[in-house]
């Protein structure tokens, strides 16, 4: 999920009134997701995410699956390998999933800083919060900007 008028490298200092120690814009943003659909649907989602500035990893999911494990594995592989190769100093993970705690701990052992952004306090695993260097709730930021976008869209004439 991303705001229609924002690119992948939005200035994250807007998310919180607390200063976030990042350069103004990220160099690269990755988006990991899965969907039910054919190859055409997957390519369509990849193109839309690419247009927003994301490097998209989209995995096919069967109707019977709640979520695709390929997403977690690909995200973890990239998160860890980029840390190992010193491609970043600060990582921002937008997730509340406690499955990422061991990953964050490994990356921190490599000397990296890890921020966690999440939607709603009930969506943040307490262990993930404690594993992060800092955490920020995105829901107020997202709702404010989404409502502004909807208001703007409704006043525009076709």
C-alpha atoms as a PDB file:
ATOM      1  CA  UNK A   1       0.000   0.000   0.000  1.00  0.00           C
ATOM      2  CA  UNK A   2       1.377   3.417  -0.894  1.00  0.00           C
ATOM      3  CA  UNK A   3      -0.052   6.889  -1.294  1.00  0.00           C
ATOM      4  CA  UNK A   4      -0.921   7.754  -4.921  1.00  0.00           C
ATOM      5  CA  UNK A   5       0.938  11.081  -4.988  1.00  0.00           C
ATOM      6  CA  UNK A   6       4.082   9.872  -3.204  1.00  0.00           C
ATOM      7  CA  UNK A   7       7.032   8.178  -4.795  1.00  0.00           C
ATOM      8  CA  UNK A   8       8.949   5.353  -3.158  1.00  0.00           C
ATOM      9  CA  UNK A   9      11.658   7.679  -1.898  1.00  0.00           C
ATOM     10  CA  UNK A  10       9.405  10.025   0.082  1.00  0.00           C
ATOM     11  CA  UNK A  11      11.176  12.045   2.769  1.00  0.00           C
ATOM     12  CA  UNK A  12      10.495   9.887   5.813  1.00  0.00           C
ATOM     13  CA  UNK A  13      10.987  12.786   8.213  1.00  0.00           C
ATOM     14  CA  UNK A  14       7.384  13.646   7.283  1.00  0.00           C
ATOM     15  CA  UNK A  15       6.148  10.424   8.900  1.00  0.00           C
ATOM     16  CA  UNK A  16       6.995  11.501  12.419  1.00  0.00           C
ATOM     17  CA  UNK A  17       7.609  14.721  14.262  1.00  0.00           C
ATOM     18  CA  UNK A  18      10.574  12.917  15.818  1.00  0.00           C
ATOM     19  CA  UNK A  19      13.671  13.366  13.620  1.00  0.00           C
ATOM     20  CA  UNK A  20      14.620  10.302  11.599  1.00  0.00           C
ATOM     21  CA  UNK A  21      18.324  10.072  10.821  1.00  0.00           C
ATOM     22  CA  UNK A  22      18.179   9.484   7.065  1.00  0.00           C
ATOM     23  CA  UNK A  23      19.424  11.260   4.022  1.00  0.00           C
ATOM     24  CA  UNK A  24      16.666  13.307   2.431  1.00  0.00           C
ATOM     25  CA  UNK A  25      15.720  10.648  -0.113  1.00  0.00           C
ATOM     26  CA  UNK A  26      16.443   6.950  -0.224  1.00  0.00           C
ATOM     27  CA  UNK A  27      18.562   5.687  -3.093  1.00  0.00           C
ATOM     28  CA  UNK A  28      16.350   2.691  -3.755  1.00  0.00           C
ATOM     29  CA  UNK A  29      13.085   1.323  -2.393  1.00  0.00           C
ATOM     30  CA  UNK A  30      11.999  -2.293  -2.601  1.00  0.00           C
ATOM     31  CA  UNK A  31       8.402  -3.507  -2.496  1.00  0.00           C
ATOM     32  CA  UNK A  32       7.624  -7.172  -1.778  1.00  0.00           C
ATOM     33  CA  UNK A  33       4.139  -8.545  -2.286  1.00  0.00           C
ATOM     34  CA  UNK A  34       2.133 -11.459  -3.623  1.00  0.00           C
ATOM     35  CA  UNK A  35      -1.114 -11.680  -5.518  1.00  0.00           C
ATOM     36  CA  UNK A  36      -3.602 -14.113  -6.941  1.00  0.00           C
ATOM     37  CA  UNK A  37      -3.534 -13.836 -10.719  1.00  0.00           C
ATOM     38  CA  UNK A  38      -1.783 -14.742 -13.919  1.00  0.00           C
ATOM     39  CA  UNK A  39       1.531 -13.490 -15.329  1.00  0.00           C
ATOM     40  CA  UNK A  40      -0.195 -10.483 -16.907  1.00  0.00           C
ATOM     41  CA  UNK A  41      -1.525  -9.384 -13.498  1.00  0.00           C
ATOM     42  CA  UNK A  42       1.919  -9.788 -11.928  1.00  0.00           C
ATOM     43  CA  UNK A  43       3.604  -7.725 -14.649  1.00  0.00           C
ATOM     44  CA  UNK A  44       0.902  -5.061 -14.343  1.00  0.00           C
ATOM     45  CA  UNK A  45       1.547  -4.696 -10.589  1.00  0.00           C
ATOM     46  CA  UNK A  46       5.313  -4.631 -11.182  1.00  0.00           C
ATOM     47  CA  UNK A  47       4.907  -1.849 -13.746  1.00  0.00           C
ATOM     48  CA  UNK A  48       2.672   0.221 -11.467  1.00  0.00           C
ATOM     49  CA  UNK A  49       5.128  -0.112  -8.594  1.00  0.00           C
ATOM     50  CA  UNK A  50       8.050   0.691 -10.894  1.00  0.00           C
ATOM     51  CA  UNK A  51       6.205   3.849 -11.993  1.00  0.00           C
ATOM     52  CA  UNK A  52       6.033   4.830  -8.300  1.00  0.00           C
ATOM     53  CA  UNK A  53       9.796   4.331  -7.920  1.00  0.00           C
ATOM     54  CA  UNK A  54       9.878   0.862  -6.377  1.00  0.00           C
ATOM     55  CA  UNK A  55      11.928  -2.159  -7.326  1.00  0.00           C
ATOM     56  CA  UNK A  56       9.059  -4.662  -7.133  1.00  0.00           C
ATOM     57  CA  UNK A  57       9.265  -8.319  -6.194  1.00  0.00           C
ATOM     58  CA  UNK A  58       5.799  -9.735  -6.917  1.00  0.00           C
ATOM     59  CA  UNK A  59       5.083 -13.395  -6.232  1.00  0.00           C
ATOM     60  CA  UNK A  60       2.170 -15.496  -7.431  1.00  0.00           C
ATOM     61  CA  UNK A  61      -0.046 -16.812  -4.656  1.00  0.00           C
ATOM     62  CA  UNK A  62      -2.673 -19.539  -4.819  1.00  0.00           C
ATOM     63  CA  UNK A  63      -6.206 -18.870  -3.578  1.00  0.00           C
ATOM     64  CA  UNK A  64      -5.702 -21.389  -0.777  1.00  0.00           C
ATOM     65  CA  UNK A  65      -2.639 -19.575   0.621  1.00  0.00           C
ATOM     66  CA  UNK A  66      -3.028 -16.856   3.232  1.00  0.00           C
ATOM     67  CA  UNK A  67       0.326 -15.342   2.224  1.00  0.00           C
ATOM     68  CA  UNK A  68       3.272 -16.274   0.072  1.00  0.00           C
ATOM     69  CA  UNK A  69       6.458 -17.360   1.838  1.00  0.00           C
ATOM     70  CA  UNK A  70       8.414 -16.201  -1.192  1.00  0.00           C
ATOM     71  CA  UNK A  71       7.816 -12.609  -0.097  1.00  0.00           C
ATOM     72  CA  UNK A  72       9.401 -13.084   3.338  1.00  0.00           C
ATOM     73  CA  UNK A  73      12.338 -15.050   1.963  1.00  0.00           C
ATOM     74  CA  UNK A  74      13.110 -12.573  -0.839  1.00  0.00           C
ATOM     75  CA  UNK A  75      12.835  -9.585   1.493  1.00  0.00           C
ATOM     76  CA  UNK A  76      15.094 -11.247   4.076  1.00  0.00           C
ATOM     77  CA  UNK A  77      17.676 -12.262   1.472  1.00  0.00           C
ATOM     78  CA  UNK A  78      17.902  -8.761   0.033  1.00  0.00           C
ATOM     79  CA  UNK A  79      17.815  -7.041   3.431  1.00  0.00           C
ATOM     80  CA  UNK A  80      20.681  -9.170   4.732  1.00  0.00           C
ATOM     81  CA  UNK A  81      22.814  -9.304   1.577  1.00  0.00           C
ATOM     82  CA  UNK A  82      22.652  -5.530   1.042  1.00  0.00           C
ATOM     83  CA  UNK A  83      23.697  -5.049   4.680  1.00  0.00           C
ATOM     84  CA  UNK A  84      26.575  -7.500   4.257  1.00  0.00           C
ATOM     85  CA  UNK A  85      27.786  -5.740   1.100  1.00  0.00           C
ATOM     86  CA  UNK A  86      27.536  -2.366   2.892  1.00  0.00           C
ATOM     87  CA  UNK A  87      24.995  -1.013   0.437  1.00  0.00           C
ATOM     88  CA  UNK A  88      23.210   0.884   3.220  1.00  0.00           C
ATOM     89  CA  UNK A  89      23.730   2.235   6.716  1.00  0.00           C
ATOM     90  CA  UNK A  90      20.070   2.666   7.674  1.00  0.00           C
ATOM     91  CA  UNK A  91      17.217   0.374   6.655  1.00  0.00           C
ATOM     92  CA  UNK A  92      13.526   1.157   6.935  1.00  0.00           C
ATOM     93  CA  UNK A  93      11.255  -1.874   7.203  1.00  0.00           C
ATOM     94  CA  UNK A  94       7.532  -1.228   6.822  1.00  0.00           C
ATOM     95  CA  UNK A  95       6.063  -4.195   8.624  1.00  0.00           C
ATOM     96  CA  UNK A  96       4.755  -5.251  11.997  1.00  0.00           C
ATOM     97  CA  UNK A  97       5.540  -8.945  11.492  1.00  0.00           C
ATOM     98  CA  UNK A  98       7.510 -10.573  14.304  1.00  0.00           C
ATOM     99  CA  UNK A  99       9.016 -13.064  11.841  1.00  0.00           C
ATOM    100  CA  UNK A 100      11.534 -10.338  10.960  1.00  0.00           C
ATOM    101  CA  UNK A 101      13.045 -10.120  14.474  1.00  0.00           C
ATOM    102  CA  UNK A 102      15.970 -12.514  13.740  1.00  0.00           C
ATOM    103  CA  UNK A 103      16.655 -10.656  10.493  1.00  0.00           C
ATOM    104  CA  UNK A 104      16.783  -7.289  12.241  1.00  0.00           C
ATOM    105  CA  UNK A 105      19.076  -8.694  14.928  1.00  0.00           C
ATOM    106  CA  UNK A 106      21.496 -10.023  12.278  1.00  0.00           C
ATOM    107  CA  UNK A 107      21.538  -6.736  10.374  1.00  0.00           C
ATOM    108  CA  UNK A 108      22.159  -4.800  13.584  1.00  0.00           C
ATOM    109  CA  UNK A 109      25.126  -7.092  14.318  1.00  0.00           C
ATOM    110  CA  UNK A 110      26.554  -5.868  11.000  1.00  0.00           C
ATOM    111  CA  UNK A 111      26.412  -2.338  12.429  1.00  0.00           C
ATOM    112  CA  UNK A 112      23.317  -1.149  10.566  1.00  0.00           C
ATOM    113  CA  UNK A 113      20.474   0.940  11.960  1.00  0.00           C
ATOM    114  CA  UNK A 114      16.973  -0.446  11.474  1.00  0.00           C
ATOM    115  CA  UNK A 115      13.799   1.619  11.681  1.00  0.00           C
ATOM    116  CA  UNK A 116      10.413  -0.092  11.663  1.00  0.00           C
ATOM    117  CA  UNK A 117       7.331   1.667  10.329  1.00  0.00           C
ATOM    118  CA  UNK A 118       3.950   0.047  10.916  1.00  0.00           C
ATOM    119  CA  UNK A 119       0.218   0.622  10.687  1.00  0.00           C
ATOM    120  CA  UNK A 120      -1.666   0.790  14.027  1.00  0.00           C
ATOM    121  CA  UNK A 121      -0.233  -0.235  17.370  1.00  0.00           C
ATOM    122  CA  UNK A 122      -2.083  -3.551  17.283  1.00  0.00           C
ATOM    123  CA  UNK A 123      -0.246  -4.359  14.038  1.00  0.00           C
ATOM    124  CA  UNK A 124       3.217  -4.171  15.609  1.00  0.00           C
ATOM    125  CA  UNK A 125       4.690  -7.287  17.165  1.00  0.00           C
ATOM    126  CA  UNK A 126       6.191  -6.247  20.546  1.00  0.00           C
ATOM    127  CA  UNK A 127       9.382  -8.213  19.868  1.00  0.00           C
ATOM    128  CA  UNK A 128       9.816  -6.426  16.528  1.00  0.00           C
ATOM    129  CA  UNK A 129       9.419  -3.080  18.275  1.00  0.00           C
ATOM    130  CA  UNK A 130      12.132  -4.016  20.784  1.00  0.00           C
ATOM    131  CA  UNK A 131      14.449  -5.341  18.047  1.00  0.00           C
ATOM    132  CA  UNK A 132      14.271  -2.104  16.044  1.00  0.00           C
ATOM    133  CA  UNK A 133      16.459   0.898  16.730  1.00  0.00           C
ATOM    134  CA  UNK A 134      13.386   3.124  16.429  1.00  0.00           C
ATOM    135  CA  UNK A 135       9.806   2.578  15.379  1.00  0.00           C
ATOM    136  CA  UNK A 136       7.133   4.857  13.985  1.00  0.00           C
ATOM    137  CA  UNK A 137       3.405   4.442  13.491  1.00  0.00           C
ATOM    138  CA  UNK A 138       2.442   5.395   9.935  1.00  0.00           C
ATOM    139  CA  UNK A 139      -1.329   5.388  10.325  1.00  0.00           C
ATOM    140  CA  UNK A 140      -1.751   9.100  11.263  1.00  0.00           C
ATOM    141  CA  UNK A 141       0.557  10.182   8.416  1.00  0.00           C
ATOM    142  CA  UNK A 142      -1.130   7.868   5.937  1.00  0.00           C
ATOM    143  CA  UNK A 143      -4.687   8.855   6.910  1.00  0.00           C
ATOM    144  CA  UNK A 144      -3.925  12.586   6.783  1.00  0.00           C
ATOM    145  CA  UNK A 145      -2.399  12.343   3.307  1.00  0.00           C
ATOM    146  CA  UNK A 146      -4.979   9.855   2.009  1.00  0.00           C
ATOM    147  CA  UNK A 147      -7.859  12.113   3.107  1.00  0.00           C
ATOM    148  CA  UNK A 148      -6.164  15.119   1.476  1.00  0.00           C
ATOM    149  CA  UNK A 149      -5.719  13.108  -1.729  1.00  0.00           C
ATOM    150  CA  UNK A 150      -9.395  12.033  -1.724  1.00  0.00           C
ATOM    151  CA  UNK A 151     -10.545  15.607  -1.097  1.00  0.00           C
ATOM    152  CA  UNK A 152      -8.359  16.881  -3.947  1.00  0.00           C
ATOM    153  CA  UNK A 153      -9.564  14.097  -6.278  1.00  0.00           C
ATOM    154  CA  UNK A 154     -13.241  14.793  -5.568  1.00  0.00           C
ATOM    155  CA  UNK A 155     -12.899  18.504  -6.390  1.00  0.00           C
ATOM    156  CA  UNK A 156     -11.181  17.920  -9.734  1.00  0.00           C
ATOM    157  CA  UNK A 157     -13.432  17.804 -12.764  1.00  0.00           C
ATOM    158  CA  UNK A 158     -12.808  15.144 -15.412  1.00  0.00           C
END
